N, C-alpha and C. Protein backbone atom coordinates (compact mmCIF):
# COMPACT_ATOMS: atom_id res chain seq x y z
N UNK A 1 4.83 -16.86 -9.26
CA UNK A 1 3.74 -16.24 -9.97
C UNK A 1 3.71 -14.72 -9.74
N UNK A 2 3.90 -14.30 -8.49
CA UNK A 2 3.85 -12.87 -8.18
C UNK A 2 4.99 -12.11 -8.85
N UNK A 3 6.12 -12.77 -9.00
CA UNK A 3 7.25 -12.12 -9.65
C UNK A 3 6.93 -11.88 -11.12
N UNK A 4 6.32 -12.85 -11.77
CA UNK A 4 5.94 -12.70 -13.18
C UNK A 4 4.91 -11.59 -13.33
N UNK A 5 3.93 -11.54 -12.44
CA UNK A 5 2.92 -10.48 -12.47
C UNK A 5 3.59 -9.12 -12.28
N UNK A 6 4.53 -9.04 -11.34
CA UNK A 6 5.20 -7.79 -11.05
C UNK A 6 5.99 -7.30 -12.27
N UNK A 7 6.81 -8.17 -12.85
CA UNK A 7 7.61 -7.78 -14.01
C UNK A 7 6.73 -7.44 -15.22
N UNK A 8 5.66 -8.19 -15.42
CA UNK A 8 4.76 -7.91 -16.54
C UNK A 8 4.12 -6.53 -16.39
N UNK A 9 3.69 -6.23 -15.18
CA UNK A 9 3.06 -4.92 -14.94
C UNK A 9 4.07 -3.79 -15.09
N UNK A 10 5.30 -3.99 -14.65
CA UNK A 10 6.33 -2.96 -14.84
C UNK A 10 6.55 -2.72 -16.33
N UNK A 11 6.61 -3.79 -17.12
CA UNK A 11 6.84 -3.64 -18.56
C UNK A 11 5.68 -2.91 -19.23
N UNK A 12 4.47 -3.29 -18.88
CA UNK A 12 3.30 -2.64 -19.46
C UNK A 12 3.24 -1.18 -19.03
N UNK A 13 3.52 -0.91 -17.75
CA UNK A 13 3.53 0.47 -17.26
C UNK A 13 4.57 1.30 -17.98
N UNK A 14 5.75 0.74 -18.19
CA UNK A 14 6.84 1.44 -18.88
C UNK A 14 6.42 1.85 -20.29
N UNK A 15 5.87 0.91 -21.04
CA UNK A 15 5.41 1.19 -22.40
C UNK A 15 4.24 2.17 -22.38
N UNK A 16 3.35 2.01 -21.40
CA UNK A 16 2.17 2.87 -21.31
C UNK A 16 2.54 4.33 -21.06
N UNK A 17 3.46 4.59 -20.14
CA UNK A 17 3.75 6.01 -19.92
C UNK A 17 4.59 6.61 -21.03
N UNK A 18 5.38 5.82 -21.74
CA UNK A 18 6.06 6.36 -22.92
C UNK A 18 5.01 6.72 -23.97
N UNK A 19 4.05 5.83 -24.16
CA UNK A 19 3.00 6.07 -25.14
C UNK A 19 2.14 7.27 -24.72
N UNK A 20 1.77 7.32 -23.47
CA UNK A 20 0.88 8.37 -22.99
C UNK A 20 1.51 9.74 -22.94
N UNK A 21 2.77 9.81 -22.55
CA UNK A 21 3.42 11.11 -22.40
C UNK A 21 3.93 11.69 -23.72
N UNK A 22 3.88 10.89 -24.77
CA UNK A 22 4.28 11.42 -26.08
C UNK A 22 3.07 11.78 -26.94
N UNK A 23 1.86 11.61 -26.43
CA UNK A 23 0.64 11.96 -27.16
C UNK A 23 0.34 13.43 -26.99
N UNK A 24 -0.25 14.02 -28.02
CA UNK A 24 -0.64 15.43 -27.92
C UNK A 24 -2.13 15.60 -27.67
N UNK A 25 -2.90 14.54 -27.85
CA UNK A 25 -4.35 14.61 -27.62
C UNK A 25 -4.62 14.34 -26.14
N UNK A 26 -5.33 15.26 -25.50
CA UNK A 26 -5.55 15.19 -24.06
C UNK A 26 -6.33 13.93 -23.66
N UNK A 27 -7.27 13.50 -24.48
CA UNK A 27 -8.05 12.30 -24.17
C UNK A 27 -7.15 11.06 -24.12
N UNK A 28 -6.20 10.97 -25.01
CA UNK A 28 -5.26 9.84 -25.01
C UNK A 28 -4.37 9.86 -23.78
N UNK A 29 -3.98 11.04 -23.35
CA UNK A 29 -3.16 11.17 -22.14
C UNK A 29 -3.95 10.71 -20.93
N UNK A 30 -5.22 11.11 -20.85
CA UNK A 30 -6.07 10.70 -19.73
C UNK A 30 -6.29 9.19 -19.74
N UNK A 31 -6.52 8.63 -20.93
CA UNK A 31 -6.67 7.17 -21.03
C UNK A 31 -5.42 6.45 -20.54
N UNK A 32 -4.27 6.96 -20.95
CA UNK A 32 -3.01 6.36 -20.52
C UNK A 32 -2.81 6.48 -19.02
N UNK A 33 -3.23 7.60 -18.45
CA UNK A 33 -3.11 7.81 -17.01
C UNK A 33 -3.99 6.81 -16.24
N UNK A 34 -5.19 6.55 -16.74
CA UNK A 34 -6.07 5.59 -16.08
C UNK A 34 -5.50 4.17 -16.15
N UNK A 35 -4.94 3.82 -17.29
CA UNK A 35 -4.31 2.51 -17.43
C UNK A 35 -3.12 2.40 -16.48
N UNK A 36 -2.34 3.47 -16.39
CA UNK A 36 -1.18 3.48 -15.50
C UNK A 36 -1.61 3.27 -14.05
N UNK A 37 -2.69 3.90 -13.64
CA UNK A 37 -3.16 3.75 -12.27
C UNK A 37 -3.58 2.32 -11.96
N UNK A 38 -4.18 1.65 -12.93
CA UNK A 38 -4.53 0.25 -12.74
C UNK A 38 -3.28 -0.58 -12.49
N UNK A 39 -2.24 -0.35 -13.28
CA UNK A 39 -1.02 -1.12 -13.14
C UNK A 39 -0.23 -0.73 -11.90
N UNK A 40 -0.37 0.51 -11.42
CA UNK A 40 0.24 0.88 -10.13
C UNK A 40 -0.28 -0.03 -9.03
N UNK A 41 -1.58 -0.18 -9.02
CA UNK A 41 -2.18 -0.98 -7.96
C UNK A 41 -1.72 -2.43 -8.03
N UNK A 42 -1.66 -2.97 -9.22
CA UNK A 42 -1.21 -4.35 -9.36
C UNK A 42 0.26 -4.48 -8.95
N UNK A 43 1.08 -3.49 -9.32
CA UNK A 43 2.49 -3.50 -8.92
C UNK A 43 2.61 -3.42 -7.41
N UNK A 44 1.86 -2.52 -6.80
CA UNK A 44 1.94 -2.35 -5.34
C UNK A 44 1.48 -3.63 -4.64
N UNK A 45 0.40 -4.22 -5.08
CA UNK A 45 -0.10 -5.46 -4.46
C UNK A 45 0.92 -6.58 -4.61
N UNK A 46 1.44 -6.77 -5.82
CA UNK A 46 2.40 -7.85 -6.01
C UNK A 46 3.69 -7.58 -5.25
N UNK A 47 4.08 -6.33 -5.16
CA UNK A 47 5.31 -6.02 -4.43
C UNK A 47 5.12 -6.22 -2.93
N UNK A 48 3.95 -5.96 -2.42
CA UNK A 48 3.69 -6.22 -1.00
C UNK A 48 3.80 -7.72 -0.72
N UNK A 49 3.21 -8.53 -1.58
CA UNK A 49 3.28 -9.98 -1.38
C UNK A 49 4.72 -10.47 -1.45
N UNK A 50 5.46 -9.99 -2.44
CA UNK A 50 6.87 -10.37 -2.58
C UNK A 50 7.68 -9.88 -1.38
N UNK A 51 7.39 -8.66 -0.94
CA UNK A 51 8.13 -8.09 0.19
C UNK A 51 7.88 -8.85 1.48
N UNK A 52 6.65 -9.27 1.69
CA UNK A 52 6.34 -10.04 2.90
C UNK A 52 7.12 -11.35 2.93
N UNK A 53 7.30 -11.94 1.78
CA UNK A 53 8.03 -13.20 1.72
C UNK A 53 9.54 -13.02 1.75
N UNK A 54 10.02 -11.83 1.38
CA UNK A 54 11.46 -11.60 1.27
C UNK A 54 12.04 -10.72 2.36
N UNK A 55 11.21 -10.17 3.22
CA UNK A 55 11.68 -9.20 4.20
C UNK A 55 12.70 -9.80 5.17
N UNK A 56 12.51 -11.05 5.56
CA UNK A 56 13.43 -11.66 6.51
C UNK A 56 14.82 -11.88 5.90
N UNK A 57 14.93 -11.99 4.58
CA UNK A 57 16.22 -12.17 3.93
C UNK A 57 16.91 -10.87 3.59
N UNK A 58 16.13 -9.90 3.10
CA UNK A 58 16.70 -8.63 2.61
C UNK A 58 15.88 -7.44 3.11
N UNK A 59 15.90 -7.15 4.39
CA UNK A 59 15.04 -6.06 4.88
C UNK A 59 15.38 -4.69 4.29
N UNK A 60 16.66 -4.39 4.16
CA UNK A 60 17.04 -3.08 3.62
C UNK A 60 16.67 -2.94 2.15
N UNK A 61 16.89 -3.99 1.37
CA UNK A 61 16.52 -3.95 -0.04
C UNK A 61 15.02 -3.82 -0.24
N UNK A 62 14.24 -4.46 0.62
CA UNK A 62 12.79 -4.36 0.52
C UNK A 62 12.36 -2.91 0.76
N UNK A 63 12.94 -2.27 1.74
CA UNK A 63 12.60 -0.87 2.03
C UNK A 63 13.02 0.03 0.88
N UNK A 64 14.21 -0.18 0.34
CA UNK A 64 14.69 0.62 -0.79
C UNK A 64 13.82 0.40 -2.03
N UNK A 65 13.43 -0.85 -2.28
CA UNK A 65 12.58 -1.16 -3.42
C UNK A 65 11.22 -0.48 -3.28
N UNK A 66 10.69 -0.47 -2.07
CA UNK A 66 9.40 0.18 -1.84
C UNK A 66 9.50 1.68 -2.09
N UNK A 67 10.55 2.30 -1.60
CA UNK A 67 10.75 3.73 -1.81
C UNK A 67 10.94 4.04 -3.30
N UNK A 68 11.70 3.20 -4.00
CA UNK A 68 11.92 3.41 -5.43
C UNK A 68 10.61 3.27 -6.22
N UNK A 69 9.81 2.30 -5.86
CA UNK A 69 8.52 2.12 -6.54
C UNK A 69 7.60 3.31 -6.30
N UNK A 70 7.54 3.76 -5.06
CA UNK A 70 6.70 4.92 -4.76
C UNK A 70 7.21 6.18 -5.46
N UNK A 71 8.52 6.30 -5.60
CA UNK A 71 9.09 7.44 -6.32
C UNK A 71 8.71 7.41 -7.80
N UNK A 72 8.76 6.23 -8.40
CA UNK A 72 8.38 6.12 -9.81
C UNK A 72 6.90 6.45 -9.98
N UNK A 73 6.06 5.97 -9.07
CA UNK A 73 4.64 6.28 -9.15
C UNK A 73 4.40 7.78 -8.99
N UNK A 74 5.09 8.40 -8.05
CA UNK A 74 4.94 9.85 -7.85
C UNK A 74 5.42 10.64 -9.08
N UNK A 75 6.54 10.22 -9.65
CA UNK A 75 7.04 10.89 -10.85
C UNK A 75 6.08 10.75 -12.03
N UNK A 76 5.51 9.57 -12.15
CA UNK A 76 4.57 9.34 -13.25
C UNK A 76 3.32 10.19 -13.08
N UNK A 77 2.79 10.24 -11.86
CA UNK A 77 1.62 11.08 -11.61
C UNK A 77 1.93 12.55 -11.85
N UNK A 78 3.11 12.99 -11.45
CA UNK A 78 3.52 14.38 -11.69
C UNK A 78 3.62 14.66 -13.18
N UNK A 79 4.19 13.72 -13.92
CA UNK A 79 4.34 13.90 -15.36
C UNK A 79 2.98 13.97 -16.05
N UNK A 80 2.06 13.09 -15.67
CA UNK A 80 0.73 13.13 -16.27
C UNK A 80 0.00 14.42 -15.90
N UNK A 81 0.14 14.86 -14.66
CA UNK A 81 -0.51 16.09 -14.24
C UNK A 81 0.03 17.29 -15.00
N UNK A 82 1.34 17.35 -15.17
CA UNK A 82 1.93 18.46 -15.92
C UNK A 82 1.60 18.38 -17.40
N UNK A 83 1.47 17.17 -17.92
CA UNK A 83 1.10 17.01 -19.34
C UNK A 83 -0.29 17.59 -19.58
N UNK A 84 -1.20 17.40 -18.63
CA UNK A 84 -2.54 17.93 -18.77
C UNK A 84 -2.57 19.44 -18.58
N UNK A 85 -1.69 19.98 -17.76
CA UNK A 85 -1.67 21.42 -17.49
C UNK A 85 -0.75 22.19 -18.43
N UNK A 86 -0.15 21.54 -19.38
CA UNK A 86 0.73 22.12 -20.38
C UNK A 86 2.03 22.66 -19.77
N UNK A 87 2.36 22.28 -18.55
CA UNK A 87 3.64 22.63 -17.94
C UNK A 87 4.63 21.47 -18.07
N UNK A 88 4.40 20.62 -19.01
CA UNK A 88 5.19 19.40 -19.17
C UNK A 88 6.55 19.70 -19.78
N UNK A 89 7.56 19.06 -19.21
CA UNK A 89 8.89 19.15 -19.80
C UNK A 89 9.38 17.74 -20.07
N UNK A 90 10.05 17.53 -21.19
CA UNK A 90 10.53 16.19 -21.53
C UNK A 90 11.53 15.62 -20.52
N UNK A 91 12.05 16.46 -19.63
CA UNK A 91 12.97 15.98 -18.60
C UNK A 91 12.31 14.94 -17.71
N UNK A 92 11.01 15.12 -17.46
CA UNK A 92 10.28 14.14 -16.64
C UNK A 92 10.24 12.77 -17.31
N UNK A 93 10.03 12.75 -18.61
CA UNK A 93 10.02 11.47 -19.32
C UNK A 93 11.38 10.81 -19.25
N UNK A 94 12.44 11.59 -19.42
CA UNK A 94 13.79 11.03 -19.33
C UNK A 94 14.09 10.54 -17.92
N UNK A 95 13.62 11.27 -16.93
CA UNK A 95 13.80 10.85 -15.55
C UNK A 95 13.06 9.54 -15.28
N UNK A 96 11.86 9.41 -15.82
CA UNK A 96 11.11 8.17 -15.68
C UNK A 96 11.78 7.02 -16.43
N UNK A 97 12.33 7.31 -17.59
CA UNK A 97 13.03 6.28 -18.35
C UNK A 97 14.26 5.76 -17.61
N UNK A 98 14.84 6.59 -16.77
CA UNK A 98 15.99 6.17 -15.97
C UNK A 98 15.56 5.53 -14.66
N UNK A 99 14.53 6.07 -14.02
CA UNK A 99 14.13 5.60 -12.70
C UNK A 99 13.42 4.24 -12.73
N UNK A 100 12.66 3.97 -13.77
CA UNK A 100 11.92 2.72 -13.82
C UNK A 100 12.84 1.49 -13.88
N UNK A 101 13.84 1.45 -14.76
CA UNK A 101 14.74 0.28 -14.74
C UNK A 101 15.50 0.14 -13.42
N UNK A 102 15.82 1.26 -12.79
CA UNK A 102 16.50 1.18 -11.49
C UNK A 102 15.59 0.53 -10.46
N UNK A 103 14.31 0.93 -10.45
CA UNK A 103 13.36 0.33 -9.51
C UNK A 103 13.17 -1.17 -9.79
N UNK A 104 13.13 -1.53 -11.07
CA UNK A 104 12.98 -2.95 -11.42
C UNK A 104 14.24 -3.74 -11.02
N UNK A 105 15.40 -3.15 -11.20
CA UNK A 105 16.64 -3.84 -10.80
C UNK A 105 16.70 -4.05 -9.29
N UNK A 106 16.26 -3.06 -8.53
CA UNK A 106 16.24 -3.22 -7.07
C UNK A 106 15.24 -4.30 -6.69
N UNK A 107 14.10 -4.33 -7.37
CA UNK A 107 13.11 -5.38 -7.11
C UNK A 107 13.68 -6.76 -7.47
N UNK A 108 14.49 -6.83 -8.50
CA UNK A 108 15.13 -8.09 -8.87
C UNK A 108 16.08 -8.56 -7.77
N UNK A 109 16.82 -7.62 -7.19
CA UNK A 109 17.71 -8.00 -6.08
C UNK A 109 16.92 -8.51 -4.88
N UNK A 110 15.75 -7.97 -4.65
CA UNK A 110 14.89 -8.46 -3.56
C UNK A 110 14.44 -9.89 -3.83
N UNK A 111 14.18 -10.18 -5.10
CA UNK A 111 13.65 -11.50 -5.44
C UNK A 111 14.68 -12.61 -5.30
N UNK A 112 15.97 -12.27 -5.33
CA UNK A 112 16.99 -13.32 -5.29
C UNK A 112 17.86 -13.25 -4.08
């Protein structure tokens, strides 16, 4: 169940930040940022539960997955902050588009 919740939240978060970072209206960007924060928490909670159950099998992968998830969250927050301050560069969106599947793939390795 936690794995399904985790993957669902990653998918929704992925679509949400693409949608939010391509908007030009500041209110829509803020709405997308709030939705993203909700899904961060769900991802972190589900990943903690999965990590507790998988740590004895794959301790190094669990640590790497946690660092990758925190990096994606930090990049997303940075991108939203820059989008609001008009210092936004599309490189952040491309970096997020690359980093998110990598984090999900590492989480998949933890699960199996």
